Amino acid sequence: MDQQRRKQLVTEYQQLPRKIGVYQICNLSNQKIWIGSSLNLYGALNKDVFILNMGNHACVPLQQEWKEYGEQQFQLEILEELKLDEGESLIGMVPLNVPVNHPMNKRYKNELEELEQKWLDKLQPYGDKGYHERKS
């Protein structure tokens, strides 16, 4: 792929509307789940799969079972998307010069944390049911 085509594809990707929400990675062999959330759902899912395939995921038990069972034994699913206000759209990646504590990022980050906690409470992905550890 030549550099101009690559640049065009990157630009097109950055213009796609981002989905915000909560997702799960489910081990089909034992039904254990990992729950995650992101301001960029598809980017986060791609990142998790890439990191798992590289063998460097932060969740060691998930990483071990990914290696043991293989990628084909895992299912990725979006559990819930955060609804944006009418007429509002988050396009592309968050620019590097926008601070993490920017009001829009902070607002959605807080809502996203609450949404993720809702799914953690509902699915209880601890012990034999998942890869999370309970917070003390």
C-alpha atoms as a PDB file:
ATOM      1  CA  MET A   1       0.000   0.000   0.000  1.00  0.00           C
ATOM      2  CA  ASP A   2       1.474   3.316  -0.976  1.00  0.00           C
ATOM      3  CA  GLN A   3       1.791   6.150   1.509  1.00  0.00           C
ATOM      4  CA  GLN A   4      -0.895   8.323  -0.100  1.00  0.00           C
ATOM      5  CA  ARG A   5      -3.492   5.504   0.083  1.00  0.00           C
ATOM      6  CA  ARG A   6      -2.530   4.805   3.693  1.00  0.00           C
ATOM      7  CA  LYS A   7      -2.947   8.482   4.566  1.00  0.00           C
ATOM      8  CA  GLN A   8      -6.375   8.499   2.876  1.00  0.00           C
ATOM      9  CA  LEU A   9      -7.499   5.425   4.861  1.00  0.00           C
ATOM     10  CA  VAL A  10      -6.309   6.958   8.137  1.00  0.00           C
ATOM     11  CA  THR A  11      -8.191  10.172   7.373  1.00  0.00           C
ATOM     12  CA  GLU A  12     -11.360   8.233   6.523  1.00  0.00           C
ATOM     13  CA  TYR A  13     -11.074   6.237   9.755  1.00  0.00           C
ATOM     14  CA  GLN A  14     -10.617   9.396  11.805  1.00  0.00           C
ATOM     15  CA  GLN A  15     -13.824  10.826  10.335  1.00  0.00           C
ATOM     16  CA  LEU A  16     -15.986   7.874  11.380  1.00  0.00           C
ATOM     17  CA  PRO A  17     -18.404   8.609  14.226  1.00  0.00           C
ATOM     18  CA  ARG A  18     -17.185   6.958  17.411  1.00  0.00           C
ATOM     19  CA  LYS A  19     -19.389   4.747  19.521  1.00  0.00           C
ATOM     20  CA  ILE A  20     -19.100   5.054  23.295  1.00  0.00           C
ATOM     21  CA  GLY A  21     -20.046   2.158  25.513  1.00  0.00           C
ATOM     22  CA  VAL A  22     -19.438  -1.113  27.307  1.00  0.00           C
ATOM     23  CA  TYR A  23     -18.345  -4.396  25.767  1.00  0.00           C
ATOM     24  CA  GLN A  24     -17.522  -7.915  26.825  1.00  0.00           C
ATOM     25  CA  ILE A  25     -15.101 -10.604  25.738  1.00  0.00           C
ATOM     26  CA  CYS A  26     -16.653 -14.013  26.436  1.00  0.00           C
ATOM     27  CA  ASN A  27     -14.756 -17.305  26.578  1.00  0.00           C
ATOM     28  CA  LEU A  28     -17.112 -19.729  24.814  1.00  0.00           C
ATOM     29  CA  SER A  29     -15.401 -22.720  26.458  1.00  0.00           C
ATOM     30  CA  ASN A  30     -16.243 -21.772  30.044  1.00  0.00           C
ATOM     31  CA  GLN A  31     -18.521 -18.690  29.703  1.00  0.00           C
ATOM     32  CA  LYS A  32     -16.118 -16.484  31.688  1.00  0.00           C
ATOM     33  CA  ILE A  33     -16.292 -12.820  30.689  1.00  0.00           C
ATOM     34  CA  TRP A  34     -14.183  -9.691  30.675  1.00  0.00           C
ATOM     35  CA  ILE A  35     -16.015  -6.365  30.665  1.00  0.00           C
ATOM     36  CA  GLY A  36     -14.483  -3.184  29.317  1.00  0.00           C
ATOM     37  CA  SER A  37     -15.598   0.267  28.271  1.00  0.00           C
ATOM     38  CA  SER A  38     -14.302   2.981  26.002  1.00  0.00           C
ATOM     39  CA  LEU A  39     -14.963   6.359  24.443  1.00  0.00           C
ATOM     40  CA  ASN A  40     -14.085   4.530  21.198  1.00  0.00           C
ATOM     41  CA  LEU A  41     -15.708   1.058  21.284  1.00  0.00           C
ATOM     42  CA  TYR A  42     -14.378  -0.327  18.025  1.00  0.00           C
ATOM     43  CA  GLY A  43     -10.911   1.014  18.715  1.00  0.00           C
ATOM     44  CA  ALA A  44     -10.926  -0.610  22.165  1.00  0.00           C
ATOM     45  CA  LEU A  45     -12.109  -3.965  20.821  1.00  0.00           C
ATOM     46  CA  ASN A  46      -9.441  -3.929  18.118  1.00  0.00           C
ATOM     47  CA  LYS A  47      -6.818  -2.950  20.688  1.00  0.00           C
ATOM     48  CA  ASP A  48      -7.817  -5.742  23.100  1.00  0.00           C
ATOM     49  CA  VAL A  49      -7.695  -8.390  20.350  1.00  0.00           C
ATOM     50  CA  PHE A  50      -4.328  -7.090  19.155  1.00  0.00           C
ATOM     51  CA  ILE A  51      -2.870  -7.080  22.676  1.00  0.00           C
ATOM     52  CA  LEU A  52      -4.270 -10.542  23.408  1.00  0.00           C
ATOM     53  CA  ASN A  53      -2.768 -11.865  20.179  1.00  0.00           C
ATOM     54  CA  MET A  54       0.564 -10.291  21.114  1.00  0.00           C
ATOM     55  CA  GLY A  55       0.411 -11.886  24.572  1.00  0.00           C
ATOM     56  CA  ASN A  56       0.494  -8.676  26.624  1.00  0.00           C
ATOM     57  CA  HIS A  57      -3.018  -8.158  28.036  1.00  0.00           C
ATOM     58  CA  ALA A  58      -3.153  -6.649  31.533  1.00  0.00           C
ATOM     59  CA  CYS A  59      -5.592  -9.333  32.705  1.00  0.00           C
ATOM     60  CA  VAL A  60      -3.293 -12.339  33.120  1.00  0.00           C
ATOM     61  CA  PRO A  61      -6.028 -15.025  33.482  1.00  0.00           C
ATOM     62  CA  LEU A  62      -7.756 -13.772  30.311  1.00  0.00           C
ATOM     63  CA  GLN A  63      -4.426 -13.726  28.500  1.00  0.00           C
ATOM     64  CA  GLN A  64      -3.603 -17.280  29.619  1.00  0.00           C
ATOM     65  CA  GLU A  65      -6.946 -18.653  28.447  1.00  0.00           C
ATOM     66  CA  TRP A  66      -6.747 -16.721  25.156  1.00  0.00           C
ATOM     67  CA  LYS A  67      -3.445 -18.484  24.541  1.00  0.00           C
ATOM     68  CA  GLU A  68      -4.800 -21.858  25.700  1.00  0.00           C
ATOM     69  CA  TYR A  69      -8.147 -21.862  23.835  1.00  0.00           C
ATOM     70  CA  GLY A  70      -7.332 -19.588  20.902  1.00  0.00           C
ATOM     71  CA  GLU A  71      -9.043 -16.494  19.515  1.00  0.00           C
ATOM     72  CA  GLN A  72     -11.802 -18.558  17.845  1.00  0.00           C
ATOM     73  CA  GLN A  73     -13.110 -19.589  21.300  1.00  0.00           C
ATOM     74  CA  PHE A  74     -13.832 -15.984  22.301  1.00  0.00           C
ATOM     75  CA  GLN A  75     -16.769 -13.801  21.333  1.00  0.00           C
ATOM     76  CA  LEU A  76     -16.690  -9.995  21.428  1.00  0.00           C
ATOM     77  CA  GLU A  77     -19.981  -8.250  22.069  1.00  0.00           C
ATOM     78  CA  ILE A  78     -21.107  -4.677  22.611  1.00  0.00           C
ATOM     79  CA  LEU A  79     -23.325  -4.694  25.692  1.00  0.00           C
ATOM     80  CA  GLU A  80     -24.574  -1.111  25.610  1.00  0.00           C
ATOM     81  CA  GLU A  81     -23.822   2.131  23.841  1.00  0.00           C
ATOM     82  CA  LEU A  82     -23.957   5.468  25.582  1.00  0.00           C
ATOM     83  CA  LYS A  83     -26.528   7.688  23.923  1.00  0.00           C
ATOM     84  CA  LEU A  84     -25.236  11.046  22.789  1.00  0.00           C
ATOM     85  CA  ASP A  85     -27.369  14.164  22.994  1.00  0.00           C
ATOM     86  CA  GLU A  86     -29.432  14.789  19.877  1.00  0.00           C
ATOM     87  CA  GLY A  87     -27.355  16.333  17.128  1.00  0.00           C
ATOM     88  CA  GLU A  88     -24.118  15.517  18.919  1.00  0.00           C
ATOM     89  CA  SER A  89     -21.483  13.341  17.295  1.00  0.00           C
ATOM     90  CA  LEU A  90     -18.001  12.356  18.344  1.00  0.00           C
ATOM     91  CA  ILE A  91     -15.993  12.133  15.161  1.00  0.00           C
ATOM     92  CA  GLY A  92     -12.688  10.327  14.895  1.00  0.00           C
ATOM     93  CA  MET A  93     -10.052  10.170  17.542  1.00  0.00           C
ATOM     94  CA  VAL A  94      -9.745  12.610  20.414  1.00  0.00           C
ATOM     95  CA  PRO A  95      -7.069  15.069  19.287  1.00  0.00           C
ATOM     96  CA  LEU A  96      -3.840  14.876  21.261  1.00  0.00           C
ATOM     97  CA  ASN A  97      -4.063  18.532  22.229  1.00  0.00           C
ATOM     98  CA  VAL A  98      -7.481  18.101  23.912  1.00  0.00           C
ATOM     99  CA  PRO A  99      -6.851  17.575  27.633  1.00  0.00           C
ATOM    100  CA  VAL A 100      -8.279  14.462  29.282  1.00  0.00           C
ATOM    101  CA  ASN A 101     -10.185  16.712  31.664  1.00  0.00           C
ATOM    102  CA  HIS A 102     -11.853  18.600  28.772  1.00  0.00           C
ATOM    103  CA  PRO A 103     -15.534  19.064  29.803  1.00  0.00           C
ATOM    104  CA  MET A 104     -16.915  16.865  26.998  1.00  0.00           C
ATOM    105  CA  ASN A 105     -14.448  14.037  27.667  1.00  0.00           C
ATOM    106  CA  LYS A 106     -14.983  14.293  31.412  1.00  0.00           C
ATOM    107  CA  ARG A 107     -18.771  14.230  31.050  1.00  0.00           C
ATOM    108  CA  TYR A 108     -18.799  11.129  28.881  1.00  0.00           C
ATOM    109  CA  LYS A 109     -16.076   9.452  30.918  1.00  0.00           C
ATOM    110  CA  ASN A 110     -18.159   9.802  34.094  1.00  0.00           C
ATOM    111  CA  GLU A 111     -21.276   8.461  32.367  1.00  0.00           C
ATOM    112  CA  LEU A 112     -19.234   5.613  30.888  1.00  0.00           C
ATOM    113  CA  GLU A 113     -17.836   4.631  34.300  1.00  0.00           C
ATOM    114  CA  GLU A 114     -21.394   4.457  35.673  1.00  0.00           C
ATOM    115  CA  LEU A 115     -22.529   2.366  32.691  1.00  0.00           C
ATOM    116  CA  GLU A 116     -19.613  -0.045  33.109  1.00  0.00           C
ATOM    117  CA  GLN A 117     -20.361  -0.410  36.831  1.00  0.00           C
ATOM    118  CA  LYS A 118     -23.990  -1.195  35.982  1.00  0.00           C
ATOM    119  CA  TRP A 119     -22.837  -4.114  33.801  1.00  0.00           C
ATOM    120  CA  LEU A 120     -20.306  -5.306  36.382  1.00  0.00           C
ATOM    121  CA  ASP A 121     -23.103  -5.352  38.978  1.00  0.00           C
ATOM    122  CA  LYS A 122     -25.485  -7.118  36.599  1.00  0.00           C
ATOM    123  CA  LEU A 123     -23.159  -9.811  35.208  1.00  0.00           C
ATOM    124  CA  GLN A 124     -20.886 -10.286  38.248  1.00  0.00           C
ATOM    125  CA  PRO A 125     -17.791 -11.335  36.228  1.00  0.00           C
ATOM    126  CA  TYR A 126     -15.844 -12.543  39.260  1.00  0.00           C
ATOM    127  CA  GLY A 127     -14.409 -15.920  40.234  1.00  0.00           C
ATOM    128  CA  ASP A 128     -15.752 -18.725  38.031  1.00  0.00           C
ATOM    129  CA  LYS A 129     -17.941 -16.258  36.086  1.00  0.00           C
ATOM    130  CA  GLY A 130     -15.254 -13.913  34.865  1.00  0.00           C
ATOM    131  CA  TYR A 131     -11.815 -12.422  34.796  1.00  0.00           C
ATOM    132  CA  HIS A 132     -12.360  -9.453  37.113  1.00  0.00           C
ATOM    133  CA  GLU A 133     -11.327  -9.189  40.742  1.00  0.00           C
ATOM    134  CA  ARG A 134     -13.643  -7.582  43.262  1.00  0.00           C
ATOM    135  CA  LYS A 135     -12.543  -4.179  44.489  1.00  0.00           C
ATOM    136  CA  SER A 136     -12.178  -4.015  48.247  1.00  0.00           C
END
